[in-house]
Amino acid sequence: MNSKAERPLSPHLTIWKWGPHMTVSILHRVTGGAITIAGLAILSWWLASLAGGEAAYAGFAKVAQSPAGMIVLVGLTWAFWQHLFSGLRHLVLDTGAGYELKVNRFWAIMTLVGSLTATAVTWYLLMGVGK
């Protein structure tokens, strides 16, 4: 049963116009993975260093306070906030609300703005700059 009729093509990236909602959706998956893998690894290392005594904790603190360690910690903080705000956006979408193009675009952009702002505020407070 060989038919010469043309079959419909599935949508792909050359058809869809890239938008903030796509970016936020992909970031939601990426940040979830980052929090799971890197976050659990750092949490485990921190707990093991606490149980290991002063020398073990000093080694952890030295790495965590290094420039590379701070980049990772700030990145994980941003990943947390981005994943949280994006998850809240998806929760609203699951109710059937927010699918209008302008509303969807607005809240997708707001998850990015909110995560960057929350990360900056978090680190501002953690570093004690406000004291």
C-alpha atoms as a PDB file:
ATOM      1  CA  MET A   1       0.000   0.000   0.000  1.00  0.00           C
ATOM      2  CA  ASN A   2       2.303   2.686  -1.285  1.00  0.00           C
ATOM      3  CA  SER A   3       0.622   6.076  -1.568  1.00  0.00           C
ATOM      4  CA  LYS A   4       2.111   9.062  -3.354  1.00  0.00           C
ATOM      5  CA  ALA A   5       0.024  11.515  -1.306  1.00  0.00           C
ATOM      6  CA  GLU A   6       2.144  14.070   0.501  1.00  0.00           C
ATOM      7  CA  ARG A   7       2.155  13.653   4.228  1.00  0.00           C
ATOM      8  CA  PRO A   8       1.900  16.688   6.521  1.00  0.00           C
ATOM      9  CA  LEU A   9       5.142  17.913   8.031  1.00  0.00           C
ATOM     10  CA  SER A  10       5.514  18.217  11.763  1.00  0.00           C
ATOM     11  CA  PRO A  11       6.288  21.746  12.955  1.00  0.00           C
ATOM     12  CA  HIS A  12       9.980  22.409  13.483  1.00  0.00           C
ATOM     13  CA  LEU A  13      12.197  25.340  14.352  1.00  0.00           C
ATOM     14  CA  THR A  14      12.297  26.707  10.823  1.00  0.00           C
ATOM     15  CA  ILE A  15       8.524  27.189  10.931  1.00  0.00           C
ATOM     16  CA  TRP A  16       8.121  28.577  14.436  1.00  0.00           C
ATOM     17  CA  LYS A  17       9.241  32.075  15.323  1.00  0.00           C
ATOM     18  CA  TRP A  18      11.525  31.962  18.357  1.00  0.00           C
ATOM     19  CA  GLY A  19      10.054  33.702  21.392  1.00  0.00           C
ATOM     20  CA  PRO A  20      10.622  34.235  25.100  1.00  0.00           C
ATOM     21  CA  HIS A  21       8.155  31.494  25.985  1.00  0.00           C
ATOM     22  CA  MET A  22      10.366  28.957  24.191  1.00  0.00           C
ATOM     23  CA  THR A  23      13.450  30.247  25.989  1.00  0.00           C
ATOM     24  CA  VAL A  24      11.754  30.050  29.387  1.00  0.00           C
ATOM     25  CA  SER A  25      10.485  26.548  28.675  1.00  0.00           C
ATOM     26  CA  ILE A  26      13.968  25.309  27.779  1.00  0.00           C
ATOM     27  CA  LEU A  27      15.509  27.147  30.750  1.00  0.00           C
ATOM     28  CA  HIS A  28      12.979  25.455  33.035  1.00  0.00           C
ATOM     29  CA  ARG A  29      14.330  22.050  32.018  1.00  0.00           C
ATOM     30  CA  VAL A  30      17.978  23.125  32.128  1.00  0.00           C
ATOM     31  CA  THR A  31      17.705  24.790  35.545  1.00  0.00           C
ATOM     32  CA  GLY A  32      15.900  21.759  36.948  1.00  0.00           C
ATOM     33  CA  GLY A  33      18.772  19.557  35.825  1.00  0.00           C
ATOM     34  CA  ALA A  34      21.389  21.981  37.153  1.00  0.00           C
ATOM     35  CA  ILE A  35      19.730  22.182  40.536  1.00  0.00           C
ATOM     36  CA  THR A  36      19.429  18.418  40.700  1.00  0.00           C
ATOM     37  CA  ILE A  37      22.970  17.527  39.661  1.00  0.00           C
ATOM     38  CA  ALA A  38      25.168  20.442  40.751  1.00  0.00           C
ATOM     39  CA  GLY A  39      22.991  21.472  43.687  1.00  0.00           C
ATOM     40  CA  LEU A  40      22.896  17.981  45.180  1.00  0.00           C
ATOM     41  CA  ALA A  41      26.631  17.528  44.622  1.00  0.00           C
ATOM     42  CA  ILE A  42      27.463  20.784  46.413  1.00  0.00           C
ATOM     43  CA  LEU A  43      24.962  20.074  49.196  1.00  0.00           C
ATOM     44  CA  SER A  44      26.463  16.603  49.706  1.00  0.00           C
ATOM     45  CA  TRP A  45      29.988  18.018  49.757  1.00  0.00           C
ATOM     46  CA  TRP A  46      28.943  20.705  52.251  1.00  0.00           C
ATOM     47  CA  LEU A  47      27.285  18.145  54.572  1.00  0.00           C
ATOM     48  CA  ALA A  48      30.261  15.776  54.326  1.00  0.00           C
ATOM     49  CA  SER A  49      32.651  18.635  55.132  1.00  0.00           C
ATOM     50  CA  LEU A  50      30.542  19.562  58.166  1.00  0.00           C
ATOM     51  CA  ALA A  51      30.749  15.978  59.399  1.00  0.00           C
ATOM     52  CA  GLY A  52      34.450  15.762  58.536  1.00  0.00           C
ATOM     53  CA  GLY A  53      35.642  18.398  60.976  1.00  0.00           C
ATOM     54  CA  GLU A  54      37.259  21.806  60.805  1.00  0.00           C
ATOM     55  CA  ALA A  55      39.896  20.954  58.212  1.00  0.00           C
ATOM     56  CA  ALA A  56      37.351  19.447  55.817  1.00  0.00           C
ATOM     57  CA  TYR A  57      35.020  22.418  56.222  1.00  0.00           C
ATOM     58  CA  ALA A  58      37.888  24.869  55.707  1.00  0.00           C
ATOM     59  CA  GLY A  59      38.678  23.138  52.408  1.00  0.00           C
ATOM     60  CA  PHE A  60      35.054  23.405  51.307  1.00  0.00           C
ATOM     61  CA  ALA A  61      34.841  27.057  52.360  1.00  0.00           C
ATOM     62  CA  LYS A  62      38.062  27.894  50.484  1.00  0.00           C
ATOM     63  CA  VAL A  63      36.685  26.448  47.245  1.00  0.00           C
ATOM     64  CA  ALA A  64      33.213  27.947  47.752  1.00  0.00           C
ATOM     65  CA  GLN A  65      34.657  31.423  48.374  1.00  0.00           C
ATOM     66  CA  SER A  66      36.974  31.311  45.372  1.00  0.00           C
ATOM     67  CA  PRO A  67      35.902  33.215  42.236  1.00  0.00           C
ATOM     68  CA  ALA A  68      34.921  29.981  40.466  1.00  0.00           C
ATOM     69  CA  GLY A  69      33.010  28.786  43.524  1.00  0.00           C
ATOM     70  CA  MET A  70      31.139  32.069  43.765  1.00  0.00           C
ATOM     71  CA  ILE A  71      30.198  31.874  40.073  1.00  0.00           C
ATOM     72  CA  VAL A  72      28.779  28.392  40.624  1.00  0.00           C
ATOM     73  CA  LEU A  73      26.872  29.462  43.744  1.00  0.00           C
ATOM     74  CA  VAL A  74      25.437  32.568  42.092  1.00  0.00           C
ATOM     75  CA  GLY A  75      24.538  30.449  39.048  1.00  0.00           C
ATOM     76  CA  LEU A  76      22.732  27.929  41.233  1.00  0.00           C
ATOM     77  CA  THR A  77      20.901  30.742  42.997  1.00  0.00           C
ATOM     78  CA  TRP A  78      19.737  32.085  39.634  1.00  0.00           C
ATOM     79  CA  ALA A  79      18.766  28.552  38.551  1.00  0.00           C
ATOM     80  CA  PHE A  80      16.655  28.174  41.700  1.00  0.00           C
ATOM     81  CA  TRP A  81      14.787  31.444  41.167  1.00  0.00           C
ATOM     82  CA  GLN A  82      14.351  30.868  37.430  1.00  0.00           C
ATOM     83  CA  HIS A  83      13.007  27.363  38.000  1.00  0.00           C
ATOM     84  CA  LEU A  84      10.659  28.592  40.732  1.00  0.00           C
ATOM     85  CA  PHE A  85       9.198  31.473  38.715  1.00  0.00           C
ATOM     86  CA  SER A  86       8.954  29.372  35.591  1.00  0.00           C
ATOM     87  CA  GLY A  87       7.236  26.622  37.564  1.00  0.00           C
ATOM     88  CA  LEU A  88       4.700  29.121  38.869  1.00  0.00           C
ATOM     89  CA  ARG A  89       4.118  30.309  35.297  1.00  0.00           C
ATOM     90  CA  HIS A  90       3.566  26.720  34.183  1.00  0.00           C
ATOM     91  CA  LEU A  91       1.163  26.183  37.092  1.00  0.00           C
ATOM     92  CA  VAL A  92      -0.963  29.080  35.850  1.00  0.00           C
ATOM     93  CA  LEU A  93      -0.758  27.761  32.279  1.00  0.00           C
ATOM     94  CA  ASP A  94      -1.962  24.369  33.522  1.00  0.00           C
ATOM     95  CA  THR A  95      -5.178  26.019  34.668  1.00  0.00           C
ATOM     96  CA  GLY A  96      -5.799  27.126  31.077  1.00  0.00           C
ATOM     97  CA  ALA A  97      -5.011  30.799  31.698  1.00  0.00           C
ATOM     98  CA  GLY A  98      -2.269  32.903  30.133  1.00  0.00           C
ATOM     99  CA  TYR A  99      -2.180  31.445  26.631  1.00  0.00           C
ATOM    100  CA  GLU A 100      -2.986  34.738  24.909  1.00  0.00           C
ATOM    101  CA  LEU A 101       0.135  35.739  22.961  1.00  0.00           C
ATOM    102  CA  LYS A 102       0.750  39.080  24.682  1.00  0.00           C
ATOM    103  CA  VAL A 103       0.058  37.689  28.164  1.00  0.00           C
ATOM    104  CA  ASN A 104       2.229  34.615  27.544  1.00  0.00           C
ATOM    105  CA  ARG A 105       5.096  36.740  26.229  1.00  0.00           C
ATOM    106  CA  PHE A 106       4.822  39.191  29.146  1.00  0.00           C
ATOM    107  CA  TRP A 107       4.962  36.509  31.840  1.00  0.00           C
ATOM    108  CA  ALA A 108       7.771  34.653  30.083  1.00  0.00           C
ATOM    109  CA  ILE A 109       9.853  37.831  30.125  1.00  0.00           C
ATOM    110  CA  MET A 110       8.852  38.507  33.738  1.00  0.00           C
ATOM    111  CA  THR A 111      10.206  35.106  34.830  1.00  0.00           C
ATOM    112  CA  LEU A 112      13.595  36.110  33.424  1.00  0.00           C
ATOM    113  CA  VAL A 113      13.481  39.594  34.980  1.00  0.00           C
ATOM    114  CA  GLY A 114      12.208  38.196  38.278  1.00  0.00           C
ATOM    115  CA  SER A 115      14.903  35.535  38.500  1.00  0.00           C
ATOM    116  CA  LEU A 116      17.699  38.022  37.820  1.00  0.00           C
ATOM    117  CA  THR A 117      16.251  40.492  40.327  1.00  0.00           C
ATOM    118  CA  ALA A 118      15.727  37.838  43.008  1.00  0.00           C
ATOM    119  CA  THR A 119      19.275  36.563  42.497  1.00  0.00           C
ATOM    120  CA  ALA A 120      20.698  40.074  42.874  1.00  0.00           C
ATOM    121  CA  VAL A 121      18.635  40.725  46.018  1.00  0.00           C
ATOM    122  CA  THR A 122      19.575  37.336  47.493  1.00  0.00           C
ATOM    123  CA  TRP A 123      23.295  37.935  47.033  1.00  0.00           C
ATOM    124  CA  TYR A 124      22.995  41.523  48.167  1.00  0.00           C
ATOM    125  CA  LEU A 125      21.552  40.259  51.436  1.00  0.00           C
ATOM    126  CA  LEU A 126      23.971  37.303  51.731  1.00  0.00           C
ATOM    127  CA  MET A 127      27.048  39.459  51.223  1.00  0.00           C
ATOM    128  CA  GLY A 128      25.888  41.824  53.951  1.00  0.00           C
ATOM    129  CA  VAL A 129      26.201  44.866  51.716  1.00  0.00           C
ATOM    130  CA  GLY A 130      23.071  46.348  53.236  1.00  0.00           C
ATOM    131  CA  LYS A 131      24.526  46.370  56.782  1.00  0.00           C
END
